[in-house]
């Protein structure tokens, strides 16, 4: 996924010269994105989030490694499915202009989705499953964490633990 970020930044740098900038110079939006990647903002009560997100407390561990522990941004869908983002995540349309294609989205922290399990044929089952982005720079939560069991505010299996406490 670092390669994907490098490709996006290269494409953005190349468009600067097409848009009238000097080769090697970044356009204003590109400078903003470069700055966000190098030093993403910290989550706080004063930080603006997309309207569907709220601030909570989260815990996310994979194979004993704690990746999110404390403030997080979250979104809960109908039916209890949810997404959590680490405290240094950035959002298109809020932190930087919405790109023309998803290929120009950026990610600066871990993200996790917990959703109803999918059964053969596409219907949802009674259980839960989890996915994450695998590394901070990845923009898709495609890395399968497996089926998870709900206990209180947490969902877990032998490899992962995901907790969300609303504030």
C-alpha atoms as a PDB file:
ATOM      1  CA  UNK A   1       0.000   0.000   0.000  1.00  0.00           C
ATOM      2  CA  UNK A   2       2.969   2.298   0.423  1.00  0.00           C
ATOM      3  CA  UNK A   3       3.529   1.728  -3.274  1.00  0.00           C
ATOM      4  CA  UNK A   4      -0.046   2.911  -3.930  1.00  0.00           C
ATOM      5  CA  UNK A   5       0.590   6.096  -1.924  1.00  0.00           C
ATOM      6  CA  UNK A   6       3.837   6.680  -3.817  1.00  0.00           C
ATOM      7  CA  UNK A   7       2.018   6.224  -7.136  1.00  0.00           C
ATOM      8  CA  UNK A   8      -0.702   8.688  -6.098  1.00  0.00           C
ATOM      9  CA  UNK A   9       1.845  11.291  -5.019  1.00  0.00           C
ATOM     10  CA  UNK A  10       3.771  10.776  -8.274  1.00  0.00           C
ATOM     11  CA  UNK A  11       0.578  11.215 -10.312  1.00  0.00           C
ATOM     12  CA  UNK A  12      -0.270  14.355  -8.365  1.00  0.00           C
ATOM     13  CA  UNK A  13       3.240  15.736  -8.900  1.00  0.00           C
ATOM     14  CA  UNK A  14       2.982  15.046 -12.636  1.00  0.00           C
ATOM     15  CA  UNK A  15      -0.356  16.868 -12.858  1.00  0.00           C
ATOM     16  CA  UNK A  16       1.299  19.949 -11.337  1.00  0.00           C
ATOM     17  CA  UNK A  17       3.462  20.360 -14.425  1.00  0.00           C
ATOM     18  CA  UNK A  18       0.446  19.791 -16.701  1.00  0.00           C
ATOM     19  CA  UNK A  19      -1.537  22.382 -14.730  1.00  0.00           C
ATOM     20  CA  UNK A  20       1.102  25.046 -15.319  1.00  0.00           C
ATOM     21  CA  UNK A  21       3.362  24.395 -12.329  1.00  0.00           C
ATOM     22  CA  UNK A  22       7.051  23.715 -12.616  1.00  0.00           C
ATOM     23  CA  UNK A  23       8.111  20.056 -12.806  1.00  0.00           C
ATOM     24  CA  UNK A  24       8.926  18.867  -9.296  1.00  0.00           C
ATOM     25  CA  UNK A  25       6.789  21.566  -7.655  1.00  0.00           C
ATOM     26  CA  UNK A  26       3.630  20.587  -5.846  1.00  0.00           C
ATOM     27  CA  UNK A  27       0.340  22.381  -6.441  1.00  0.00           C
ATOM     28  CA  UNK A  28      -1.419  23.773  -3.315  1.00  0.00           C
ATOM     29  CA  UNK A  29      -3.671  20.687  -2.859  1.00  0.00           C
ATOM     30  CA  UNK A  30      -0.669  18.415  -3.308  1.00  0.00           C
ATOM     31  CA  UNK A  31       1.301  20.352  -0.678  1.00  0.00           C
ATOM     32  CA  UNK A  32      -1.632  19.925   1.717  1.00  0.00           C
ATOM     33  CA  UNK A  33      -1.795  16.163   1.094  1.00  0.00           C
ATOM     34  CA  UNK A  34       1.982  15.843   1.451  1.00  0.00           C
ATOM     35  CA  UNK A  35       1.775  17.731   4.764  1.00  0.00           C
ATOM     36  CA  UNK A  36      -1.112  15.536   6.011  1.00  0.00           C
ATOM     37  CA  UNK A  37       0.778  12.348   5.162  1.00  0.00           C
ATOM     38  CA  UNK A  38       3.904  13.562   6.963  1.00  0.00           C
ATOM     39  CA  UNK A  39       2.090  14.983  10.010  1.00  0.00           C
ATOM     40  CA  UNK A  40      -1.585  13.929  10.292  1.00  0.00           C
ATOM     41  CA  UNK A  41      -3.753  15.874  12.755  1.00  0.00           C
ATOM     42  CA  UNK A  42      -4.569  14.476  16.196  1.00  0.00           C
ATOM     43  CA  UNK A  43      -8.176  13.622  17.035  1.00  0.00           C
ATOM     44  CA  UNK A  44      -9.740  15.999  19.559  1.00  0.00           C
ATOM     45  CA  UNK A  45     -13.146  17.395  20.466  1.00  0.00           C
ATOM     46  CA  UNK A  46     -12.297  20.499  18.405  1.00  0.00           C
ATOM     47  CA  UNK A  47     -11.278  18.601  15.277  1.00  0.00           C
ATOM     48  CA  UNK A  48     -13.846  18.594  12.503  1.00  0.00           C
ATOM     49  CA  UNK A  49     -14.934  15.133  11.311  1.00  0.00           C
ATOM     50  CA  UNK A  50     -17.226  14.054   8.476  1.00  0.00           C
ATOM     51  CA  UNK A  51     -20.851  14.382   9.680  1.00  0.00           C
ATOM     52  CA  UNK A  52     -21.432  10.618   9.993  1.00  0.00           C
ATOM     53  CA  UNK A  53     -18.485  10.140  12.395  1.00  0.00           C
ATOM     54  CA  UNK A  54     -18.387  10.595  16.150  1.00  0.00           C
ATOM     55  CA  UNK A  55     -15.567  10.472  18.703  1.00  0.00           C
ATOM     56  CA  UNK A  56     -15.326   7.473  21.008  1.00  0.00           C
ATOM     57  CA  UNK A  57     -12.763   5.313  22.760  1.00  0.00           C
ATOM     58  CA  UNK A  58     -11.419   2.263  20.966  1.00  0.00           C
ATOM     59  CA  UNK A  59      -9.117  -0.660  21.430  1.00  0.00           C
ATOM     60  CA  UNK A  60      -7.785  -2.593  18.455  1.00  0.00           C
ATOM     61  CA  UNK A  61      -5.248  -5.392  18.777  1.00  0.00           C
ATOM     62  CA  UNK A  62      -3.920  -7.848  16.190  1.00  0.00           C
ATOM     63  CA  UNK A  63      -1.756 -10.804  17.253  1.00  0.00           C
ATOM     64  CA  UNK A  64      -1.058  -9.155  20.604  1.00  0.00           C
ATOM     65  CA  UNK A  65       0.019  -5.832  19.097  1.00  0.00           C
ATOM     66  CA  UNK A  66      -2.055  -2.846  20.228  1.00  0.00           C
ATOM     67  CA  UNK A  67      -2.680  -0.587  17.217  1.00  0.00           C
ATOM     68  CA  UNK A  68      -5.457   1.716  18.496  1.00  0.00           C
ATOM     69  CA  UNK A  69      -5.872   2.463  22.198  1.00  0.00           C
ATOM     70  CA  UNK A  70      -7.795   5.582  23.194  1.00  0.00           C
ATOM     71  CA  UNK A  71      -9.619   8.211  21.177  1.00  0.00           C
ATOM     72  CA  UNK A  72     -10.960   7.104  17.812  1.00  0.00           C
ATOM     73  CA  UNK A  73     -13.480   8.188  15.219  1.00  0.00           C
ATOM     74  CA  UNK A  74     -16.338   5.792  14.546  1.00  0.00           C
ATOM     75  CA  UNK A  75     -19.417   5.355  12.413  1.00  0.00           C
ATOM     76  CA  UNK A  76     -22.235   2.945  13.315  1.00  0.00           C
ATOM     77  CA  UNK A  77     -24.649   1.673  10.667  1.00  0.00           C
ATOM     78  CA  UNK A  78     -28.139   0.296  11.149  1.00  0.00           C
ATOM     79  CA  UNK A  79     -27.937  -3.232  12.462  1.00  0.00           C
ATOM     80  CA  UNK A  80     -24.874  -2.554  14.602  1.00  0.00           C
ATOM     81  CA  UNK A  81     -22.150  -2.753  11.957  1.00  0.00           C
ATOM     82  CA  UNK A  82     -19.423  -0.191  12.551  1.00  0.00           C
ATOM     83  CA  UNK A  83     -16.117   1.251  11.409  1.00  0.00           C
ATOM     84  CA  UNK A  84     -13.417   2.681  13.653  1.00  0.00           C
ATOM     85  CA  UNK A  85     -10.477   4.841  12.611  1.00  0.00           C
ATOM     86  CA  UNK A  86      -7.331   5.593  14.567  1.00  0.00           C
ATOM     87  CA  UNK A  87      -6.817   9.080  16.039  1.00  0.00           C
ATOM     88  CA  UNK A  88      -4.536  10.263  13.199  1.00  0.00           C
ATOM     89  CA  UNK A  89      -6.829   9.310  10.299  1.00  0.00           C
ATOM     90  CA  UNK A  90      -7.598  11.942   7.648  1.00  0.00           C
ATOM     91  CA  UNK A  91     -10.819  12.288   5.647  1.00  0.00           C
ATOM     92  CA  UNK A  92     -11.387  13.439   2.072  1.00  0.00           C
ATOM     93  CA  UNK A  93     -13.776  16.348   1.845  1.00  0.00           C
ATOM     94  CA  UNK A  94     -12.882  17.350   5.412  1.00  0.00           C
ATOM     95  CA  UNK A  95      -9.093  17.352   5.780  1.00  0.00           C
ATOM     96  CA  UNK A  96      -8.278  17.540   2.068  1.00  0.00           C
ATOM     97  CA  UNK A  97     -10.298  18.104  -1.133  1.00  0.00           C
ATOM     98  CA  UNK A  98     -12.337  15.152  -2.351  1.00  0.00           C
ATOM     99  CA  UNK A  99     -10.298  13.570  -5.150  1.00  0.00           C
ATOM    100  CA  UNK A 100     -11.714  12.812  -8.596  1.00  0.00           C
ATOM    101  CA  UNK A 101     -11.036   9.097  -8.150  1.00  0.00           C
ATOM    102  CA  UNK A 102     -10.752   6.756  -5.185  1.00  0.00           C
ATOM    103  CA  UNK A 103      -7.173   6.030  -6.294  1.00  0.00           C
ATOM    104  CA  UNK A 104      -6.190   9.430  -4.862  1.00  0.00           C
ATOM    105  CA  UNK A 105      -7.652   8.824  -1.382  1.00  0.00           C
ATOM    106  CA  UNK A 106      -5.127   8.733   1.453  1.00  0.00           C
ATOM    107  CA  UNK A 107      -5.015   7.008   4.829  1.00  0.00           C
ATOM    108  CA  UNK A 108      -2.789   7.912   7.763  1.00  0.00           C
ATOM    109  CA  UNK A 109      -3.959   5.490  10.455  1.00  0.00           C
ATOM    110  CA  UNK A 110      -5.490   2.079  11.010  1.00  0.00           C
ATOM    111  CA  UNK A 111      -9.142   1.412  10.253  1.00  0.00           C
ATOM    112  CA  UNK A 112     -11.342  -1.555  11.134  1.00  0.00           C
ATOM    113  CA  UNK A 113     -14.812  -2.666  10.081  1.00  0.00           C
ATOM    114  CA  UNK A 114     -17.037  -5.068  11.987  1.00  0.00           C
ATOM    115  CA  UNK A 115     -20.007  -6.313  10.000  1.00  0.00           C
ATOM    116  CA  UNK A 116     -22.531  -9.118   9.912  1.00  0.00           C
ATOM    117  CA  UNK A 117     -21.113 -12.311   8.456  1.00  0.00           C
ATOM    118  CA  UNK A 118     -22.047 -13.021   4.864  1.00  0.00           C
ATOM    119  CA  UNK A 119     -23.556 -16.372   4.019  1.00  0.00           C
ATOM    120  CA  UNK A 120     -23.491 -18.117   0.665  1.00  0.00           C
ATOM    121  CA  UNK A 121     -25.849 -16.312  -1.659  1.00  0.00           C
ATOM    122  CA  UNK A 122     -25.063 -12.925  -0.092  1.00  0.00           C
ATOM    123  CA  UNK A 123     -27.491 -12.958   2.830  1.00  0.00           C
ATOM    124  CA  UNK A 124     -26.298 -11.976   6.297  1.00  0.00           C
ATOM    125  CA  UNK A 125     -25.886 -14.478   9.083  1.00  0.00           C
ATOM    126  CA  UNK A 126     -26.236 -14.232  12.848  1.00  0.00           C
ATOM    127  CA  UNK A 127     -22.498 -13.847  13.471  1.00  0.00           C
ATOM    128  CA  UNK A 128     -19.948 -11.117  12.920  1.00  0.00           C
ATOM    129  CA  UNK A 129     -16.761 -10.750  10.888  1.00  0.00           C
ATOM    130  CA  UNK A 130     -14.019  -8.130  10.866  1.00  0.00           C
ATOM    131  CA  UNK A 131     -11.705  -6.541   8.303  1.00  0.00           C
ATOM    132  CA  UNK A 132      -8.930  -3.966   8.594  1.00  0.00           C
ATOM    133  CA  UNK A 133      -6.629  -1.991   6.326  1.00  0.00           C
ATOM    134  CA  UNK A 134      -3.522  -3.991   7.291  1.00  0.00           C
ATOM    135  CA  UNK A 135      -1.256  -0.948   7.358  1.00  0.00           C
ATOM    136  CA  UNK A 136      -1.842   2.730   8.002  1.00  0.00           C
ATOM    137  CA  UNK A 137      -1.395   3.781   4.375  1.00  0.00           C
ATOM    138  CA  UNK A 138      -3.972   1.327   2.990  1.00  0.00           C
ATOM    139  CA  UNK A 139      -7.307   2.927   2.092  1.00  0.00           C
ATOM    140  CA  UNK A 140      -9.426  -0.258   1.953  1.00  0.00           C
ATOM    141  CA  UNK A 141     -10.353  -2.496   4.876  1.00  0.00           C
ATOM    142  CA  UNK A 142      -9.778  -5.689   2.887  1.00  0.00           C
ATOM    143  CA  UNK A 143      -7.529  -7.681   5.220  1.00  0.00           C
ATOM    144  CA  UNK A 144      -9.827 -10.333   6.701  1.00  0.00           C
ATOM    145  CA  UNK A 145      -9.508 -10.706  10.470  1.00  0.00           C
ATOM    146  CA  UNK A 146     -12.021 -13.537  10.507  1.00  0.00           C
ATOM    147  CA  UNK A 147     -15.226 -14.280  12.364  1.00  0.00           C
ATOM    148  CA  UNK A 148     -15.469 -12.447  15.683  1.00  0.00           C
ATOM    149  CA  UNK A 149     -17.623 -12.991  18.755  1.00  0.00           C
ATOM    150  CA  UNK A 150     -19.332 -10.102  20.554  1.00  0.00           C
ATOM    151  CA  UNK A 151     -18.849  -9.741  24.290  1.00  0.00           C
ATOM    152  CA  UNK A 152     -19.981  -6.410  25.726  1.00  0.00           C
ATOM    153  CA  UNK A 153     -18.412  -3.569  23.748  1.00  0.00           C
ATOM    154  CA  UNK A 154     -15.782  -5.874  22.214  1.00  0.00           C
ATOM    155  CA  UNK A 155     -15.553  -8.287  19.302  1.00  0.00           C
ATOM    156  CA  UNK A 156     -12.737 -10.813  19.315  1.00  0.00           C
ATOM    157  CA  UNK A 157     -11.217 -14.062  18.116  1.00  0.00           C
ATOM    158  CA  UNK A 158      -7.884 -15.764  18.821  1.00  0.00           C
ATOM    159  CA  UNK A 159      -5.987 -13.186  16.705  1.00  0.00           C
ATOM    160  CA  UNK A 160      -7.770  -9.878  17.268  1.00  0.00           C
ATOM    161  CA  UNK A 161      -9.742  -7.739  19.705  1.00  0.00           C
ATOM    162  CA  UNK A 162     -11.857  -4.762  18.627  1.00  0.00           C
ATOM    163  CA  UNK A 163     -13.664  -2.596  21.188  1.00  0.00           C
ATOM    164  CA  UNK A 164     -15.727   0.569  20.801  1.00  0.00           C
ATOM    165  CA  UNK A 165     -17.051   2.666  23.658  1.00  0.00           C
ATOM    166  CA  UNK A 166     -19.251   5.611  22.678  1.00  0.00           C
ATOM    167  CA  UNK A 167     -18.613   8.867  24.541  1.00  0.00           C
END
